[in-house]
Amino acid sequence: MNNRTLAIIKPDAVKNNYIGQIVKMINEAGFKILGLKMVRMSKQSAEGFYEIHKERAFFGELVEFMTSGSCVPIALEKSNAVEDYRKLIGATNPAEAKEGTIRKLYAESLGKNAVHGSDSDENASKEISHFFSREELLNNS
């Protein structure tokens, strides 16, 4: 069964011109790209997207970072999409990420960790709809 997840190439990785390398790794890992775009998140959009972290100490810093430049949200599909993508990106802290993972290769720090990945099927669905309308997704399914 195929399911979906959301990837975001964050402003640090966009600024460092890693979009192509990251998308290549996603493709080579067997994911189907259903939608991809470059956006500049507004403060309101970033606050809504990361609302789950609203009470955390790092919330303000996270919103500021995610609005600091362009990012690339990507809707992905694959069997076991959420878990497989999280394995591909590696630990949140790049110092703890396994060799060959996106964060090990392209992240600068815990705060500037190159990519976002949904943490559950339920959140993936919400997160994809934050960036993509049904009509924007390949196959419109």
Protein backbone atom coordinates (compact mmCIF):
# COMPACT_ATOMS: atom_id res chain seq x y z
CA MET A 1 0.00 0.00 0.00
CA ASN A 2 1.29 3.44 -0.88
CA ASN A 3 1.03 6.25 1.56
CA ARG A 4 2.17 9.83 1.64
CA THR A 5 4.54 12.06 3.50
CA LEU A 6 5.64 15.66 3.30
CA ALA A 7 9.23 16.68 2.80
CA ILE A 8 10.35 20.28 3.08
CA ILE A 9 13.75 21.40 1.91
CA LYS A 10 14.33 24.16 4.45
CA PRO A 11 15.76 27.66 3.84
CA ASP A 12 19.32 26.69 4.82
CA ALA A 13 19.50 23.90 2.24
CA VAL A 14 17.83 26.08 -0.44
CA LYS A 15 20.33 28.87 0.26
CA ASN A 16 23.21 26.39 -0.03
CA ASN A 17 21.91 25.10 -3.41
CA TYR A 18 21.18 21.55 -2.21
CA ILE A 19 17.72 21.22 -3.79
CA GLY A 20 18.91 19.05 -6.69
CA GLN A 21 21.01 16.72 -4.55
CA ILE A 22 18.21 16.23 -2.03
CA VAL A 23 15.55 15.61 -4.71
CA LYS A 24 17.92 13.11 -6.36
CA MET A 25 18.27 11.20 -3.06
CA ILE A 26 14.48 11.18 -2.67
CA ASN A 27 14.06 9.82 -6.21
CA GLU A 28 16.74 7.19 -5.75
CA ALA A 29 15.03 6.03 -2.55
CA GLY A 30 11.96 5.11 -4.60
CA PHE A 31 9.59 7.93 -3.71
CA LYS A 32 7.08 9.24 -6.25
CA ILE A 33 6.85 13.03 -6.26
CA LEU A 34 3.19 14.06 -6.30
CA GLY A 35 3.80 17.79 -5.92
CA LEU A 36 6.76 20.13 -5.57
CA LYS A 37 7.00 23.91 -5.37
CA MET A 38 9.20 26.68 -4.03
CA VAL A 39 7.52 29.02 -1.55
CA ARG A 40 8.40 31.73 0.93
CA MET A 41 6.37 31.00 4.05
CA SER A 42 4.67 33.92 5.76
CA LYS A 43 4.84 34.21 9.53
CA GLN A 44 1.17 33.19 9.72
CA SER A 45 1.76 30.14 7.52
CA ALA A 46 4.81 29.02 9.51
CA GLU A 47 3.02 29.51 12.83
CA GLY A 48 0.07 27.45 11.56
CA PHE A 49 2.29 24.71 10.18
CA TYR A 50 4.32 24.38 13.40
CA GLU A 51 1.37 25.00 15.76
CA ILE A 52 2.07 21.62 17.39
CA HIS A 53 5.28 23.19 18.80
CA LYS A 54 3.61 26.45 19.90
CA GLU A 55 4.38 25.96 23.60
CA ARG A 56 7.99 24.85 23.04
CA ALA A 57 10.88 27.22 23.75
CA PHE A 58 12.19 26.98 20.19
CA PHE A 59 8.88 27.91 18.47
CA GLY A 60 9.73 31.56 17.79
CA GLU A 61 13.17 30.71 16.49
CA LEU A 62 11.74 27.96 14.26
CA VAL A 63 9.13 30.31 12.75
CA GLU A 64 11.78 32.98 12.18
CA PHE A 65 14.06 30.45 10.47
CA MET A 66 11.34 28.98 8.26
CA THR A 67 10.35 32.48 7.08
CA SER A 68 13.95 33.61 6.49
CA GLY A 69 14.07 32.39 2.89
CA SER A 70 12.48 30.13 0.33
CA CYS A 71 11.71 26.50 1.07
CA VAL A 72 10.60 23.61 -1.12
CA PRO A 73 7.66 21.51 0.10
CA ILE A 74 7.38 18.14 -1.65
CA ALA A 75 4.44 15.73 -1.41
CA LEU A 76 5.76 12.17 -1.66
CA GLU A 77 4.20 8.74 -2.09
CA LYS A 78 5.64 5.30 -1.41
CA SER A 79 4.86 2.22 0.63
CA ASN A 80 5.76 3.05 4.22
CA ALA A 81 6.43 6.66 3.15
CA VAL A 82 6.66 8.32 6.58
CA GLU A 83 9.05 5.80 8.11
CA ASP A 84 11.17 5.40 4.96
CA TYR A 85 11.56 9.15 4.51
CA ARG A 86 12.52 9.64 8.16
CA LYS A 87 15.21 6.97 7.72
CA LEU A 88 16.45 8.77 4.60
CA ILE A 89 16.74 12.14 6.33
CA GLY A 90 18.39 10.90 9.54
CA ALA A 91 18.33 12.22 13.10
CA THR A 92 17.18 15.79 13.75
CA ASN A 93 20.65 16.60 15.05
CA PRO A 94 23.01 16.09 12.10
CA ALA A 95 25.82 15.19 14.50
CA GLU A 96 23.78 12.11 15.45
CA ALA A 97 22.57 11.29 11.92
CA LYS A 98 23.82 8.16 10.20
CA GLU A 99 26.30 8.43 7.34
CA GLY A 100 24.65 8.88 3.96
CA THR A 101 21.46 10.50 5.30
CA ILE A 102 20.29 13.86 4.03
CA ARG A 103 20.93 15.61 7.33
CA LYS A 104 24.39 14.10 7.72
CA LEU A 105 25.28 15.34 4.24
CA TYR A 106 23.53 18.71 4.08
CA ALA A 107 22.46 20.00 7.52
CA GLU A 108 24.43 22.71 9.28
CA SER A 109 23.16 22.25 12.85
CA LEU A 110 20.26 21.12 15.02
CA GLY A 111 18.38 24.33 14.14
CA LYS A 112 19.43 24.43 10.49
CA ASN A 113 18.83 20.77 9.71
CA ALA A 114 18.13 21.01 5.96
CA VAL A 115 14.80 19.15 5.76
CA HIS A 116 11.49 18.44 7.44
CA GLY A 117 9.72 15.11 7.38
CA SER A 118 6.25 14.23 8.65
CA ASP A 119 6.26 12.10 11.81
CA SER A 120 3.02 10.18 11.25
CA ASP A 121 0.50 9.36 8.51
CA GLU A 122 -2.05 11.63 10.18
CA ASN A 123 0.35 14.59 10.33
CA ALA A 124 1.53 13.90 6.77
CA SER A 125 -2.01 14.34 5.48
CA LYS A 126 -2.44 17.64 7.38
CA GLU A 127 0.99 18.90 6.35
CA ILE A 128 0.53 18.09 2.66
CA SER A 129 -2.79 19.96 2.64
CA HIS A 130 -1.05 22.98 4.21
CA PHE A 131 0.99 23.43 1.02
CA PHE A 132 -0.93 21.63 -1.74
CA SER A 133 -4.52 21.68 -2.92
CA ARG A 134 -5.96 18.39 -4.17
CA GLU A 135 -5.73 19.72 -7.73
CA GLU A 136 -1.99 20.36 -7.39
CA LEU A 137 -1.17 16.76 -6.55
CA LEU A 138 -0.32 14.27 -9.27
CA ASN A 139 -3.19 11.83 -9.94
CA ASN A 140 -5.46 14.00 -7.78
CA SER A 141 -6.02 11.05 -5.48
